[in-house]
All heavy atoms as atom14 arrays in JSON, in Angstrom:
{
  "sequence": "GSLRLSCAASGRTFTRYGMGWVRQAPGKEREFVA",
  "atom14_mask": [
    [1, 1, 1, 1, 0, 0, 0, 0, 0, 0, 0, 0, 0, 0],
    [1, 1, 1, 1, 1, 1, 0, 0, 0, 0, 0, 0, 0, 0],
    [1, 1, 1, 1, 1, 1, 1, 1, 0, 0, 0, 0, 0, 0],
    [1, 1, 1, 1, 1, 1, 1, 1, 1, 1, 1, 0, 0, 0],
    [1, 1, 1, 1, 1, 1, 1, 1, 0, 0, 0, 0, 0, 0],
    [1, 1, 1, 1, 1, 1, 0, 0, 0, 0, 0, 0, 0, 0],
    [1, 1, 1, 1, 1, 1, 0, 0, 0, 0, 0, 0, 0, 0],
    [1, 1, 1, 1, 1, 0, 0, 0, 0, 0, 0, 0, 0, 0],
    [1, 1, 1, 1, 1, 0, 0, 0, 0, 0, 0, 0, 0, 0],
    [1, 1, 1, 1, 1, 1, 0, 0, 0, 0, 0, 0, 0, 0],
    [1, 1, 1, 1, 0, 0, 0, 0, 0, 0, 0, 0, 0, 0],
    [1, 1, 1, 1, 1, 1, 1, 1, 1, 1, 1, 0, 0, 0],
    [1, 1, 1, 1, 1, 1, 1, 0, 0, 0, 0, 0, 0, 0],
    [1, 1, 1, 1, 1, 1, 1, 1, 1, 1, 1, 0, 0, 0],
    [1, 1, 1, 1, 1, 1, 1, 0, 0, 0, 0, 0, 0, 0],
    [1, 1, 1, 1, 1, 1, 1, 1, 1, 1, 1, 0, 0, 0],
    [1, 1, 1, 1, 1, 1, 1, 1, 1, 1, 1, 1, 0, 0],
    [1, 1, 1, 1, 0, 0, 0, 0, 0, 0, 0, 0, 0, 0],
    [1, 1, 1, 1, 1, 1, 1, 1, 0, 0, 0, 0, 0, 0],
    [1, 1, 1, 1, 0, 0, 0, 0, 0, 0, 0, 0, 0, 0],
    [1, 1, 1, 1, 1, 1, 1, 1, 1, 1, 1, 1, 1, 1],
    [1, 1, 1, 1, 1, 1, 1, 0, 0, 0, 0, 0, 0, 0],
    [1, 1, 1, 1, 1, 1, 1, 1, 1, 1, 1, 0, 0, 0],
    [1, 1, 1, 1, 1, 1, 1, 1, 1, 0, 0, 0, 0, 0],
    [1, 1, 1, 1, 1, 0, 0, 0, 0, 0, 0, 0, 0, 0],
    [1, 1, 1, 1, 1, 1, 1, 0, 0, 0, 0, 0, 0, 0],
    [1, 1, 1, 1, 0, 0, 0, 0, 0, 0, 0, 0, 0, 0],
    [1, 1, 1, 1, 1, 1, 1, 1, 1, 0, 0, 0, 0, 0],
    [1, 1, 1, 1, 1, 1, 1, 1, 1, 0, 0, 0, 0, 0],
    [1, 1, 1, 1, 1, 1, 1, 1, 1, 1, 1, 0, 0, 0],
    [1, 1, 1, 1, 1, 1, 1, 1, 1, 0, 0, 0, 0, 0],
    [1, 1, 1, 1, 1, 1, 1, 1, 1, 1, 1, 0, 0, 0],
    [1, 1, 1, 1, 1, 1, 1, 0, 0, 0, 0, 0, 0, 0],
    [1, 1, 1, 1, 1, 0, 0, 0, 0, 0, 0, 0, 0, 0]
  ],
  "atom14_positions": [
    [[81.95, 50.53, 88.35], [81.66, 49.73, 89.54], [80.27, 49.98, 90.09], [79.48, 50.74, 89.52], [0.0, 0.0, 0.0], [0.0, 0.0, 0.0], [0.0, 0.0, 0.0], [0.0, 0.0, 0.0], [0.0, 0.0, 0.0], [0.0, 0.0, 0.0], [0.0, 0.0, 0.0], [0.0, 0.0, 0.0], [0.0, 0.0, 0.0], [0.0, 0.0, 0.0]],
    [[79.99, 49.32, 91.22], [78.66, 49.4, 91.83], [78.75, 49.7, 93.32], [79.75, 49.36, 93.98], [77.93, 48.06, 91.64], [77.73, 47.77, 90.28], [0.0, 0.0, 0.0], [0.0, 0.0, 0.0], [0.0, 0.0, 0.0], [0.0, 0.0, 0.0], [0.0, 0.0, 0.0], [0.0, 0.0, 0.0], [0.0, 0.0, 0.0], [0.0, 0.0, 0.0]],
    [[77.72, 50.33, 93.81], [77.54, 50.55, 95.24], [76.06, 50.43, 95.55], [75.22, 50.71, 94.69], [78.02, 51.95, 95.66], [79.5, 52.24, 95.82], [79.72, 53.71, 96.11], [80.12, 51.37, 96.91], [0.0, 0.0, 0.0], [0.0, 0.0, 0.0], [0.0, 0.0, 0.0], [0.0, 0.0, 0.0], [0.0, 0.0, 0.0], [0.0, 0.0, 0.0]],
    [[75.76, 50.05, 96.77], [74.38, 50.07, 97.21], [74.27, 50.94, 98.45], [74.87, 50.65, 99.49], [73.84, 48.68, 97.53], [72.33, 48.71, 97.8], [71.72, 47.35, 98.02], [71.92, 46.86, 99.37], [71.15, 45.95, 99.96], [70.13, 45.44, 99.3], [71.4, 45.53, 101.19], [0.0, 0.0, 0.0], [0.0, 0.0, 0.0], [0.0, 0.0, 0.0]],
    [[73.49, 52.01, 98.33], [73.25, 52.88, 99.45], [72.01, 52.41, 100.2], [71.06, 51.91, 99.6], [73.04, 54.32, 98.99], [74.15, 54.95, 98.15], [73.81, 56.42, 97.86], [75.49, 54.83, 98.82], [0.0, 0.0, 0.0], [0.0, 0.0, 0.0], [0.0, 0.0, 0.0], [0.0, 0.0, 0.0], [0.0, 0.0, 0.0], [0.0, 0.0, 0.0]],
    [[72.05, 52.57, 101.51], [70.9, 52.25, 102.35], [70.49, 53.5, 103.12], [71.34, 54.32, 103.48], [71.24, 51.14, 103.33], [71.61, 49.95, 102.67], [0.0, 0.0, 0.0], [0.0, 0.0, 0.0], [0.0, 0.0, 0.0], [0.0, 0.0, 0.0], [0.0, 0.0, 0.0], [0.0, 0.0, 0.0], [0.0, 0.0, 0.0], [0.0, 0.0, 0.0]],
    [[69.22, 53.61, 103.38], [68.7, 54.69, 104.2], [67.76, 54.07, 105.21], [66.67, 53.62, 104.85], [67.98, 55.73, 103.36], [67.17, 57.02, 104.32], [0.0, 0.0, 0.0], [0.0, 0.0, 0.0], [0.0, 0.0, 0.0], [0.0, 0.0, 0.0], [0.0, 0.0, 0.0], [0.0, 0.0, 0.0], [0.0, 0.0, 0.0], [0.0, 0.0, 0.0]],
    [[68.2, 54.03, 106.45], [67.4, 53.42, 107.51], [66.61, 54.49, 108.24], [67.16, 55.51, 108.66], [68.31, 52.68, 108.48], [0.0, 0.0, 0.0], [0.0, 0.0, 0.0], [0.0, 0.0, 0.0], [0.0, 0.0, 0.0], [0.0, 0.0, 0.0], [0.0, 0.0, 0.0], [0.0, 0.0, 0.0], [0.0, 0.0, 0.0], [0.0, 0.0, 0.0]],
    [[65.32, 54.24, 108.4], [64.45, 55.18, 109.08], [64.08, 54.65, 110.45], [63.83, 53.45, 110.61], [63.19, 55.42, 108.26], [0.0, 0.0, 0.0], [0.0, 0.0, 0.0], [0.0, 0.0, 0.0], [0.0, 0.0, 0.0], [0.0, 0.0, 0.0], [0.0, 0.0, 0.0], [0.0, 0.0, 0.0], [0.0, 0.0, 0.0], [0.0, 0.0, 0.0]],
    [[64.05, 55.51, 111.43], [63.65, 55.13, 112.78], [62.82, 56.26, 113.38], [62.79, 57.37, 112.87], [64.87, 54.84, 113.66], [65.68, 56.0, 113.77], [0.0, 0.0, 0.0], [0.0, 0.0, 0.0], [0.0, 0.0, 0.0], [0.0, 0.0, 0.0], [0.0, 0.0, 0.0], [0.0, 0.0, 0.0], [0.0, 0.0, 0.0], [0.0, 0.0, 0.0]],
    [[62.17, 55.92, 114.48], [61.32, 56.9, 115.13], [59.88, 56.68, 114.74], [59.45, 55.54, 114.55], [0.0, 0.0, 0.0], [0.0, 0.0, 0.0], [0.0, 0.0, 0.0], [0.0, 0.0, 0.0], [0.0, 0.0, 0.0], [0.0, 0.0, 0.0], [0.0, 0.0, 0.0], [0.0, 0.0, 0.0], [0.0, 0.0, 0.0], [0.0, 0.0, 0.0]],
    [[59.15, 57.73, 114.56], [57.75, 57.62, 114.21], [57.6, 56.97, 112.84], [58.37, 57.26, 111.93], [57.13, 59.01, 114.18], [55.65, 59.02, 113.89], [55.11, 60.44, 113.87], [53.72, 60.49, 113.47], [53.04, 61.62, 113.26], [53.66, 62.78, 113.42], [51.79, 61.58, 112.89], [0.0, 0.0, 0.0], [0.0, 0.0, 0.0], [0.0, 0.0, 0.0]],
    [[56.67, 56.07, 112.71], [56.46, 55.4, 111.43], [55.18, 55.89, 110.79], [54.27, 56.38, 111.47], [56.4, 53.88, 111.61], [55.34, 53.56, 112.52], [57.71, 53.34, 112.15], [0.0, 0.0, 0.0], [0.0, 0.0, 0.0], [0.0, 0.0, 0.0], [0.0, 0.0, 0.0], [0.0, 0.0, 0.0], [0.0, 0.0, 0.0], [0.0, 0.0, 0.0]],
    [[55.11, 55.76, 109.5], [53.96, 56.2, 108.72], [53.54, 55.07, 107.81], [54.36, 54.28, 107.35], [54.32, 57.44, 107.89], [54.7, 58.62, 108.72], [56.01, 58.76, 109.17], [53.77, 59.57, 109.08], [56.38, 59.83, 109.95], [54.14, 60.65, 109.85], [55.44, 60.79, 110.28], [0.0, 0.0, 0.0], [0.0, 0.0, 0.0], [0.0, 0.0, 0.0]],
    [[52.27, 55.0, 107.54], [51.79, 53.92, 106.69], [51.88, 54.27, 105.22], [51.8, 53.4, 104.36], [50.34, 53.58, 107.05], [49.55, 54.76, 106.92], [50.26, 53.05, 108.47], [0.0, 0.0, 0.0], [0.0, 0.0, 0.0], [0.0, 0.0, 0.0], [0.0, 0.0, 0.0], [0.0, 0.0, 0.0], [0.0, 0.0, 0.0], [0.0, 0.0, 0.0]],
    [[52.06, 55.53, 104.92], [52.1, 55.93, 103.52], [53.02, 57.14, 103.4], [52.78, 58.18, 104.02], [50.69, 56.28, 103.08], [50.57, 56.92, 101.75], [49.1, 57.13, 101.42], [48.91, 58.32, 100.64], [47.82, 58.58, 99.94], [46.82, 57.74, 99.96], [47.71, 59.69, 99.26], [0.0, 0.0, 0.0], [0.0, 0.0, 0.0], [0.0, 0.0, 0.0]],
    [[54.09, 57.01, 102.64], [55.01, 58.13, 102.49], [55.92, 57.92, 101.3], [55.96, 56.85, 100.7], [55.84, 58.33, 103.76], [56.6, 57.11, 104.23], [57.95, 56.96, 103.98], [55.95, 56.12, 104.96], [58.64, 55.85, 104.44], [56.64, 55.01, 105.42], [57.97, 54.88, 105.16], [58.65, 53.78, 105.6], [0.0, 0.0, 0.0], [0.0, 0.0, 0.0]],
    [[56.64, 58.96, 100.96], [57.57, 58.9, 99.85], [58.99, 59.08, 100.33], [59.25, 59.79, 101.29], [0.0, 0.0, 0.0], [0.0, 0.0, 0.0], [0.0, 0.0, 0.0], [0.0, 0.0, 0.0], [0.0, 0.0, 0.0], [0.0, 0.0, 0.0], [0.0, 0.0, 0.0], [0.0, 0.0, 0.0], [0.0, 0.0, 0.0], [0.0, 0.0, 0.0]],
    [[59.9, 58.39, 99.64], [61.31, 58.48, 99.97], [62.07, 58.87, 98.71], [61.87, 58.28, 97.65], [61.84, 57.15, 100.48], [61.22, 56.71, 101.78], [61.75, 57.72, 103.17], [63.46, 57.27, 103.29], [0.0, 0.0, 0.0], [0.0, 0.0, 0.0], [0.0, 0.0, 0.0], [0.0, 0.0, 0.0], [0.0, 0.0, 0.0], [0.0, 0.0, 0.0]],
    [[62.93, 59.83, 98.84], [63.71, 60.27, 97.69], [65.19, 60.23, 97.97], [65.63, 60.29, 99.12], [0.0, 0.0, 0.0], [0.0, 0.0, 0.0], [0.0, 0.0, 0.0], [0.0, 0.0, 0.0], [0.0, 0.0, 0.0], [0.0, 0.0, 0.0], [0.0, 0.0, 0.0], [0.0, 0.0, 0.0], [0.0, 0.0, 0.0], [0.0, 0.0, 0.0]],
    [[65.95, 60.08, 96.91], [67.41, 60.23, 96.96], [67.76, 61.47, 96.17], [67.31, 61.66, 95.03], [68.12, 59.03, 96.37], [68.12, 57.81, 97.24], [67.27, 56.75, 97.18], [69.02, 57.54, 98.32], [67.59, 55.83, 98.14], [68.66, 56.29, 98.86], [70.1, 58.22, 98.88], [69.33, 55.7, 99.93], [70.78, 57.63, 99.94], [70.4, 56.4, 100.46]],
    [[68.56, 62.3, 96.78], [69.0, 63.57, 96.19], [70.51, 63.62, 96.35], [71.04, 63.12, 97.34], [68.32, 64.76, 96.9], [68.85, 66.08, 96.38], [66.81, 64.68, 96.76], [0.0, 0.0, 0.0], [0.0, 0.0, 0.0], [0.0, 0.0, 0.0], [0.0, 0.0, 0.0], [0.0, 0.0, 0.0], [0.0, 0.0, 0.0], [0.0, 0.0, 0.0]],
    [[71.21, 64.21, 95.39], [72.66, 64.3, 95.52], [73.13, 65.72, 95.27], [72.47, 66.5, 94.6], [73.35, 63.34, 94.56], [73.2, 63.69, 93.08], [73.8, 62.59, 92.22], [73.69, 62.9, 90.8], [74.04, 62.07, 89.83], [74.51, 60.85, 90.11], [73.92, 62.43, 88.57], [0.0, 0.0, 0.0], [0.0, 0.0, 0.0], [0.0, 0.0, 0.0]],
    [[74.3, 66.01, 95.82], [74.9, 67.31, 95.62], [76.39, 67.14, 95.37], [77.13, 66.66, 96.23], [74.68, 68.22, 96.82], [75.15, 69.65, 96.6], [74.64, 70.6, 97.65], [74.28, 70.22, 98.76], [74.58, 71.88, 97.3], [0.0, 0.0, 0.0], [0.0, 0.0, 0.0], [0.0, 0.0, 0.0], [0.0, 0.0, 0.0], [0.0, 0.0, 0.0]],
    [[76.79, 67.54, 94.18], [78.2, 67.48, 93.81], [78.89, 68.78, 94.23], [78.23, 69.81, 94.39], [78.33, 67.27, 92.31], [0.0, 0.0, 0.0], [0.0, 0.0, 0.0], [0.0, 0.0, 0.0], [0.0, 0.0, 0.0], [0.0, 0.0, 0.0], [0.0, 0.0, 0.0], [0.0, 0.0, 0.0], [0.0, 0.0, 0.0], [0.0, 0.0, 0.0]],
    [[80.2, 68.76, 94.39], [80.92, 69.98, 94.79], [80.66, 71.13, 93.84], [80.77, 70.99, 92.62], [82.39, 69.54, 94.75], [82.36, 68.07, 94.94], [81.1, 67.6, 94.26], [0.0, 0.0, 0.0], [0.0, 0.0, 0.0], [0.0, 0.0, 0.0], [0.0, 0.0, 0.0], [0.0, 0.0, 0.0], [0.0, 0.0, 0.0], [0.0, 0.0, 0.0]],
    [[80.27, 72.26, 94.39], [80.04, 73.46, 93.59], [78.75, 73.46, 92.79], [78.53, 74.35, 91.98], [0.0, 0.0, 0.0], [0.0, 0.0, 0.0], [0.0, 0.0, 0.0], [0.0, 0.0, 0.0], [0.0, 0.0, 0.0], [0.0, 0.0, 0.0], [0.0, 0.0, 0.0], [0.0, 0.0, 0.0], [0.0, 0.0, 0.0], [0.0, 0.0, 0.0]],
    [[77.92, 72.44, 93.01], [76.66, 72.36, 92.26], [75.47, 72.34, 93.2], [75.6, 72.08, 94.39], [76.65, 71.11, 91.38], [77.71, 71.12, 90.29], [77.55, 69.92, 89.38], [78.56, 69.95, 88.25], [78.41, 68.78, 87.32], [0.0, 0.0, 0.0], [0.0, 0.0, 0.0], [0.0, 0.0, 0.0], [0.0, 0.0, 0.0], [0.0, 0.0, 0.0]],
    [[74.3, 72.6, 92.64], [73.08, 72.55, 93.42], [72.66, 71.09, 93.62], [73.04, 70.21, 92.86], [71.97, 73.33, 92.72], [72.23, 74.83, 92.66], [71.03, 75.59, 92.12], [70.07, 74.96, 91.69], [71.08, 76.84, 92.14], [0.0, 0.0, 0.0], [0.0, 0.0, 0.0], [0.0, 0.0, 0.0], [0.0, 0.0, 0.0], [0.0, 0.0, 0.0]],
    [[71.84, 70.89, 94.64], [71.31, 69.58, 94.87], [70.41, 69.18, 93.72], [69.67, 70.01, 93.19], [70.54, 69.57, 96.2], [70.82, 68.41, 97.06], [70.61, 68.62, 98.53], [69.66, 69.58, 98.96], [69.39, 69.8, 100.25], [70.03, 69.09, 101.15], [68.54, 70.7, 100.59], [0.0, 0.0, 0.0], [0.0, 0.0, 0.0], [0.0, 0.0, 0.0]],
    [[70.46, 67.89, 93.35], [69.63, 67.44, 92.24], [68.94, 66.13, 92.59], [69.48, 65.28, 93.32], [70.46, 67.27, 90.96], [71.52, 66.2, 91.03], [72.19, 65.94, 89.68], [71.75, 66.51, 88.67], [73.13, 65.13, 89.66], [0.0, 0.0, 0.0], [0.0, 0.0, 0.0], [0.0, 0.0, 0.0], [0.0, 0.0, 0.0], [0.0, 0.0, 0.0]],
    [[67.76, 65.95, 92.03], [66.97, 64.73, 92.22], [67.68, 63.55, 91.57], [68.24, 63.66, 90.49], [65.59, 64.95, 91.59], [64.82, 63.68, 91.37], [64.18, 63.05, 92.41], [64.74, 63.13, 90.1], [63.47, 61.89, 92.21], [64.03, 61.97, 89.88], [63.39, 61.35, 90.93], [0.0, 0.0, 0.0], [0.0, 0.0, 0.0], [0.0, 0.0, 0.0]],
    [[67.6, 62.41, 92.25], [68.17, 61.17, 91.72], [67.08, 60.14, 91.49], [66.92, 59.61, 90.4], [69.24, 60.6, 92.66], [69.75, 59.26, 92.15], [70.39, 61.57, 92.84], [0.0, 0.0, 0.0], [0.0, 0.0, 0.0], [0.0, 0.0, 0.0], [0.0, 0.0, 0.0], [0.0, 0.0, 0.0], [0.0, 0.0, 0.0], [0.0, 0.0, 0.0]],
    [[66.31, 59.82, 92.54], [65.29, 58.79, 92.44], [64.27, 58.97, 93.55], [64.56, 59.59, 94.58], [65.91, 57.4, 92.52], [0.0, 0.0, 0.0], [0.0, 0.0, 0.0], [0.0, 0.0, 0.0], [0.0, 0.0, 0.0], [0.0, 0.0, 0.0], [0.0, 0.0, 0.0], [0.0, 0.0, 0.0], [0.0, 0.0, 0.0], [0.0, 0.0, 0.0]]
  ]
}
């Protein structure tokens, strides 16, 4: 199946920045996704 995650940012804005998705499964370390 499919899901779409959203990440909404508010507050101070920046003209240039990076956004990452990271995940953590039970009992595991956090890992890079995208």
